[in-house]
Each structure stands twice: as C-alpha cells, then as structure tokens.
Amino acid sequence: MAEILEIIMLVSFGASWPLNVIKSYRARTAKGKSLPFLCLIIFGYIAGIASKFVNEAYMSQFSEKWYVLCFYVLNLIMVSVDLGMYFRNRALDRKSEE
C-alpha cells in the first residue's frame, strides 16, 4: 500500500512537469522561473532515488518493485529538461535585451 501511495504522489507531481516544460518552451523567457527551486526539486528527486538504493527492504524486492524507481527517474528527467529550458530562455532573454 505504501508503494501505491508513493506512486500516486510521484504521478501527481510528475503530471505537472510536462506541462511546465511546454510552457517554458513556448514562453521563451526565464522571467518568473526560479533556478533555486528547480535545483531543489532535482536534489529531492536524487535523494529519493538514492533512498531506494540504500533501502535494503526495497532492494531485496527490486524485481517486484522496480516501477517505483522508474517514476522517480522519469520525474527527474522532466525537471532536468525544464532546467535546460530555463538556461535556454535565460540566453534568449539576454539576446533580446541587447
């Protein structure tokens, strides 16, 4: 049951990231984005992934519960893409100011 609730949490958070990436891509500006926030979210997902690897109970059942880790990795990838969009848009902001 704990894994199901964890997946619900990860899916809920993860559902917003593709929309945020699309919004960042279309906006073409970094205004309103927070670099520290994105870095903190990435750090949190890395910590969540690491917690799975150091959890002996989880690792002993990894062949049955690998999908939980996949949600963490998928969310980490999406937030990392959004971080990339931040730097792209910041460069576009600098170019438009010139």
N, C-alpha and C. Protein backbone atom coordinates (compact mmCIF):
# COMPACT_ATOMS: atom_id res chain seq x y z
N MET A 1 0.82 -1.21 0.00
CA MET A 1 0.00 0.00 0.00
C MET A 1 0.86 1.26 0.00
N ALA A 2 1.98 1.22 0.75
CA ALA A 2 2.86 2.39 0.81
C ALA A 2 3.40 2.74 -0.58
N GLU A 3 3.74 1.71 -1.37
CA GLU A 3 4.26 1.96 -2.70
C GLU A 3 3.20 2.59 -3.61
N ILE A 4 1.97 2.16 -3.46
CA ILE A 4 0.88 2.72 -4.27
C ILE A 4 0.70 4.20 -3.95
N LEU A 5 0.70 4.54 -2.67
CA LEU A 5 0.58 5.94 -2.27
C LEU A 5 1.76 6.77 -2.76
N GLU A 6 2.95 6.17 -2.70
CA GLU A 6 4.14 6.86 -3.19
C GLU A 6 4.04 7.10 -4.70
N ILE A 7 3.55 6.13 -5.43
CA ILE A 7 3.38 6.29 -6.88
C ILE A 7 2.34 7.36 -7.18
N ILE A 8 1.26 7.39 -6.42
CA ILE A 8 0.24 8.43 -6.61
C ILE A 8 0.86 9.81 -6.42
N MET A 9 1.69 9.94 -5.39
CA MET A 9 2.37 11.21 -5.15
C MET A 9 3.28 11.56 -6.32
N LEU A 10 4.07 10.59 -6.78
CA LEU A 10 5.00 10.85 -7.88
C LEU A 10 4.27 11.16 -9.18
N VAL A 11 3.18 10.46 -9.45
CA VAL A 11 2.41 10.73 -10.66
C VAL A 11 1.77 12.11 -10.59
N SER A 12 1.28 12.48 -9.42
CA SER A 12 0.67 13.81 -9.26
C SER A 12 1.69 14.91 -9.51
N PHE A 13 2.88 14.76 -8.93
CA PHE A 13 3.93 15.75 -9.18
C PHE A 13 4.38 15.68 -10.64
N GLY A 14 4.56 14.46 -11.12
CA GLY A 14 5.07 14.27 -12.47
C GLY A 14 4.14 14.75 -13.56
N ALA A 15 2.86 14.74 -13.32
CA ALA A 15 1.90 15.18 -14.34
C ALA A 15 2.06 16.67 -14.67
N SER A 16 2.53 17.44 -13.72
CA SER A 16 2.67 18.88 -13.95
C SER A 16 3.94 19.23 -14.73
N TRP A 17 4.96 18.40 -14.67
CA TRP A 17 6.23 18.77 -15.30
C TRP A 17 6.18 18.84 -16.83
N PRO A 18 5.54 17.91 -17.53
CA PRO A 18 5.48 18.07 -19.00
C PRO A 18 4.77 19.37 -19.40
N LEU A 19 3.72 19.71 -18.67
CA LEU A 19 3.02 20.97 -18.96
C LEU A 19 3.92 22.17 -18.70
N ASN A 20 4.71 22.08 -17.64
CA ASN A 20 5.63 23.17 -17.31
C ASN A 20 6.73 23.30 -18.36
N VAL A 21 7.22 22.18 -18.87
CA VAL A 21 8.24 22.21 -19.92
C VAL A 21 7.67 22.86 -21.18
N ILE A 22 6.47 22.47 -21.56
CA ILE A 22 5.82 23.07 -22.74
C ILE A 22 5.64 24.57 -22.55
N LYS A 23 5.20 24.96 -21.37
CA LYS A 23 5.01 26.38 -21.07
C LYS A 23 6.34 27.13 -21.16
N SER A 24 7.39 26.55 -20.62
CA SER A 24 8.71 27.18 -20.68
C SER A 24 9.19 27.31 -22.12
N TYR A 25 8.96 26.27 -22.91
CA TYR A 25 9.38 26.29 -24.31
C TYR A 25 8.66 27.39 -25.08
N ARG A 26 7.36 27.49 -24.87
CA ARG A 26 6.56 28.49 -25.60
C ARG A 26 6.80 29.90 -25.11
N ALA A 27 7.07 30.06 -23.82
CA ALA A 27 7.23 31.40 -23.23
C ALA A 27 8.48 32.09 -23.75
N ARG A 28 9.54 31.32 -24.00
CA ARG A 28 10.81 31.86 -24.49
C ARG A 28 11.37 32.93 -23.57
N THR A 29 11.08 32.83 -22.28
CA THR A 29 11.64 33.74 -21.28
C THR A 29 11.82 32.99 -19.97
N ALA A 30 12.85 33.38 -19.23
CA ALA A 30 13.10 32.77 -17.93
C ALA A 30 12.45 33.59 -16.81
N LYS A 31 11.82 34.67 -17.17
CA LYS A 31 11.17 35.51 -16.16
C LYS A 31 10.06 34.71 -15.47
N GLY A 32 10.05 34.76 -14.17
CA GLY A 32 9.06 34.04 -13.40
C GLY A 32 9.50 32.64 -13.01
N LYS A 33 10.66 32.20 -13.51
CA LYS A 33 11.21 30.89 -13.15
C LYS A 33 12.22 31.08 -12.02
N SER A 34 12.34 30.07 -11.20
CA SER A 34 13.28 30.12 -10.08
C SER A 34 14.31 29.00 -10.23
N LEU A 35 15.56 29.40 -10.47
CA LEU A 35 16.64 28.42 -10.58
C LEU A 35 16.84 27.66 -9.26
N PRO A 36 16.84 28.34 -8.11
CA PRO A 36 16.99 27.58 -6.85
C PRO A 36 15.86 26.56 -6.64
N PHE A 37 14.64 26.91 -7.03
CA PHE A 37 13.51 25.99 -6.89
C PHE A 37 13.73 24.74 -7.73
N LEU A 38 14.10 24.92 -9.00
CA LEU A 38 14.33 23.77 -9.88
C LEU A 38 15.47 22.90 -9.35
N CYS A 39 16.54 23.53 -8.87
CA CYS A 39 17.67 22.77 -8.33
C CYS A 39 17.26 22.01 -7.07
N LEU A 40 16.43 22.60 -6.25
CA LEU A 40 15.97 21.93 -5.04
C LEU A 40 15.09 20.72 -5.38
N ILE A 41 14.25 20.86 -6.37
CA ILE A 41 13.41 19.74 -6.80
C ILE A 41 14.28 18.60 -7.34
N ILE A 42 15.27 18.96 -8.16
CA ILE A 42 16.19 17.94 -8.69
C ILE A 42 16.91 17.24 -7.55
N PHE A 43 17.40 18.01 -6.59
CA PHE A 43 18.08 17.43 -5.43
C PHE A 43 17.15 16.47 -4.69
N GLY A 44 15.89 16.85 -4.53
CA GLY A 44 14.92 16.00 -3.85
C GLY A 44 14.69 14.69 -4.58
N TYR A 45 14.59 14.74 -5.91
CA TYR A 45 14.40 13.50 -6.67
C TYR A 45 15.64 12.61 -6.60
N ILE A 46 16.83 13.23 -6.64
CA ILE A 46 18.06 12.44 -6.50
C ILE A 46 18.11 11.78 -5.13
N ALA A 47 17.70 12.51 -4.09
CA ALA A 47 17.66 11.92 -2.74
C ALA A 47 16.65 10.78 -2.68
N GLY A 48 15.51 10.93 -3.34
CA GLY A 48 14.51 9.88 -3.38
C GLY A 48 15.02 8.63 -4.08
N ILE A 49 15.74 8.84 -5.17
CA ILE A 49 16.33 7.71 -5.89
C ILE A 49 17.38 7.02 -5.02
N ALA A 50 18.22 7.83 -4.40
CA ALA A 50 19.27 7.26 -3.53
C ALA A 50 18.65 6.49 -2.37
N SER A 51 17.53 6.99 -1.84
CA SER A 51 16.89 6.30 -0.71
C SER A 51 16.44 4.90 -1.10
N LYS A 52 16.05 4.74 -2.35
CA LYS A 52 15.64 3.41 -2.82
C LYS A 52 16.83 2.45 -2.84
N PHE A 53 17.98 2.96 -3.29
CA PHE A 53 19.16 2.10 -3.39
C PHE A 53 19.74 1.72 -2.03
N VAL A 54 19.56 2.55 -1.02
CA VAL A 54 20.10 2.22 0.31
C VAL A 54 19.08 1.51 1.19
N ASN A 55 17.86 1.39 0.72
CA ASN A 55 16.80 0.70 1.47
C ASN A 55 16.89 -0.80 1.18
N GLU A 56 17.39 -1.55 2.15
CA GLU A 56 17.59 -2.99 1.95
C GLU A 56 16.29 -3.72 1.65
N ALA A 57 15.22 -3.32 2.31
CA ALA A 57 13.92 -3.97 2.08
C ALA A 57 13.46 -3.75 0.64
N TYR A 58 13.64 -2.54 0.13
CA TYR A 58 13.25 -2.25 -1.25
C TYR A 58 14.13 -3.02 -2.22
N MET A 59 15.44 -2.99 -1.99
CA MET A 59 16.36 -3.66 -2.91
C MET A 59 16.18 -5.17 -2.93
N SER A 60 15.77 -5.74 -1.79
CA SER A 60 15.55 -7.19 -1.76
C SER A 60 14.33 -7.59 -2.60
N GLN A 61 13.43 -6.64 -2.84
CA GLN A 61 12.25 -6.90 -3.66
C GLN A 61 12.26 -6.08 -4.95
N PHE A 62 13.46 -5.67 -5.38
CA PHE A 62 13.58 -4.79 -6.54
C PHE A 62 12.92 -5.37 -7.78
N SER A 63 13.04 -6.66 -7.99
CA SER A 63 12.46 -7.27 -9.20
C SER A 63 10.94 -7.13 -9.23
N GLU A 64 10.32 -6.94 -8.07
CA GLU A 64 8.87 -6.76 -8.00
C GLU A 64 8.47 -5.29 -7.91
N LYS A 65 9.38 -4.42 -7.47
CA LYS A 65 9.02 -3.02 -7.21
C LYS A 65 9.87 -2.02 -7.99
N TRP A 66 10.46 -2.44 -9.10
CA TRP A 66 11.31 -1.57 -9.89
C TRP A 66 10.57 -0.35 -10.44
N TYR A 67 9.27 -0.50 -10.65
CA TYR A 67 8.47 0.55 -11.26
C TYR A 67 8.43 1.83 -10.42
N VAL A 68 8.56 1.70 -9.10
CA VAL A 68 8.55 2.89 -8.24
C VAL A 68 9.76 3.76 -8.57
N LEU A 69 10.90 3.15 -8.73
CA LEU A 69 12.12 3.87 -9.07
C LEU A 69 11.98 4.54 -10.44
N CYS A 70 11.28 3.89 -11.36
CA CYS A 70 11.08 4.47 -12.69
C CYS A 70 10.34 5.81 -12.63
N PHE A 71 9.38 5.92 -11.73
CA PHE A 71 8.65 7.19 -11.59
C PHE A 71 9.57 8.30 -11.09
N TYR A 72 10.46 7.97 -10.16
CA TYR A 72 11.43 8.96 -9.68
C TYR A 72 12.33 9.41 -10.83
N VAL A 73 12.84 8.46 -11.60
CA VAL A 73 13.74 8.78 -12.70
C VAL A 73 13.02 9.59 -13.77
N LEU A 74 11.81 9.21 -14.10
CA LEU A 74 11.04 9.95 -15.09
C LEU A 74 10.82 11.40 -14.65
N ASN A 75 10.45 11.59 -13.40
CA ASN A 75 10.26 12.95 -12.88
C ASN A 75 11.57 13.73 -12.89
N LEU A 76 12.66 13.08 -12.51
CA LEU A 76 13.97 13.74 -12.53
C LEU A 76 14.31 14.19 -13.95
N ILE A 77 14.05 13.36 -14.93
CA ILE A 77 14.32 13.72 -16.32
C ILE A 77 13.49 14.93 -16.73
N MET A 78 12.22 14.93 -16.38
CA MET A 78 11.35 16.05 -16.78
C MET A 78 11.79 17.36 -16.12
N VAL A 79 12.14 17.32 -14.85
CA VAL A 79 12.59 18.54 -14.18
C VAL A 79 13.93 18.99 -14.77
N SER A 80 14.78 18.05 -15.15
CA SER A 80 16.06 18.40 -15.76
C SER A 80 15.84 19.06 -17.12
N VAL A 81 14.87 18.58 -17.87
CA VAL A 81 14.53 19.23 -19.15
C VAL A 81 14.04 20.65 -18.89
N ASP A 82 13.22 20.83 -17.86
CA ASP A 82 12.75 22.17 -17.52
C ASP A 82 13.92 23.06 -17.11
N LEU A 83 14.90 22.50 -16.41
CA LEU A 83 16.11 23.26 -16.07
C LEU A 83 16.84 23.68 -17.34
N GLY A 84 16.93 22.78 -18.30
CA GLY A 84 17.52 23.13 -19.59
C GLY A 84 16.76 24.25 -20.29
N MET A 85 15.44 24.21 -20.20
CA MET A 85 14.61 25.28 -20.78
C MET A 85 14.88 26.61 -20.08
N TYR A 86 15.14 26.55 -18.77
CA TYR A 86 15.46 27.77 -18.02
C TYR A 86 16.71 28.43 -18.60
N PHE A 87 17.77 27.64 -18.81
CA PHE A 87 19.01 28.21 -19.34
C PHE A 87 18.85 28.66 -20.78
N ARG A 88 18.08 27.93 -21.57
CA ARG A 88 17.79 28.35 -22.94
C ARG A 88 17.07 29.68 -22.93
N ASN A 89 16.04 29.78 -22.09
CA ASN A 89 15.24 31.00 -22.06
C ASN A 89 16.02 32.18 -21.48
N ARG A 90 16.92 31.90 -20.55
CA ARG A 90 17.75 32.98 -20.00
C ARG A 90 18.66 33.53 -21.09
N ALA A 91 19.20 32.64 -21.92
CA ALA A 91 20.02 33.09 -23.04
C ALA A 91 19.19 33.91 -24.03
N LEU A 92 17.96 33.49 -24.27
CA LEU A 92 17.08 34.26 -25.16
C LEU A 92 16.75 35.62 -24.56
N ASP A 93 16.57 35.68 -23.23
CA ASP A 93 16.31 36.96 -22.56
C ASP A 93 17.50 37.90 -22.75
N ARG A 94 18.70 37.38 -22.56
CA ARG A 94 19.92 38.21 -22.73
C ARG A 94 20.04 38.71 -24.17
N LYS A 95 19.74 37.82 -25.12
CA LYS A 95 19.84 38.20 -26.53
C LYS A 95 18.82 39.29 -26.87
N SER A 96 17.62 39.20 -26.33
CA SER A 96 16.59 40.20 -26.65
C SER A 96 16.87 41.53 -25.96
N GLU A 97 17.64 41.53 -24.87
CA GLU A 97 17.98 42.77 -24.19
C GLU A 97 19.06 43.54 -24.93
N GLU A 98 19.80 42.86 -25.77
CA GLU A 98 20.90 43.53 -26.50
C GLU A 98 20.42 44.37 -27.64
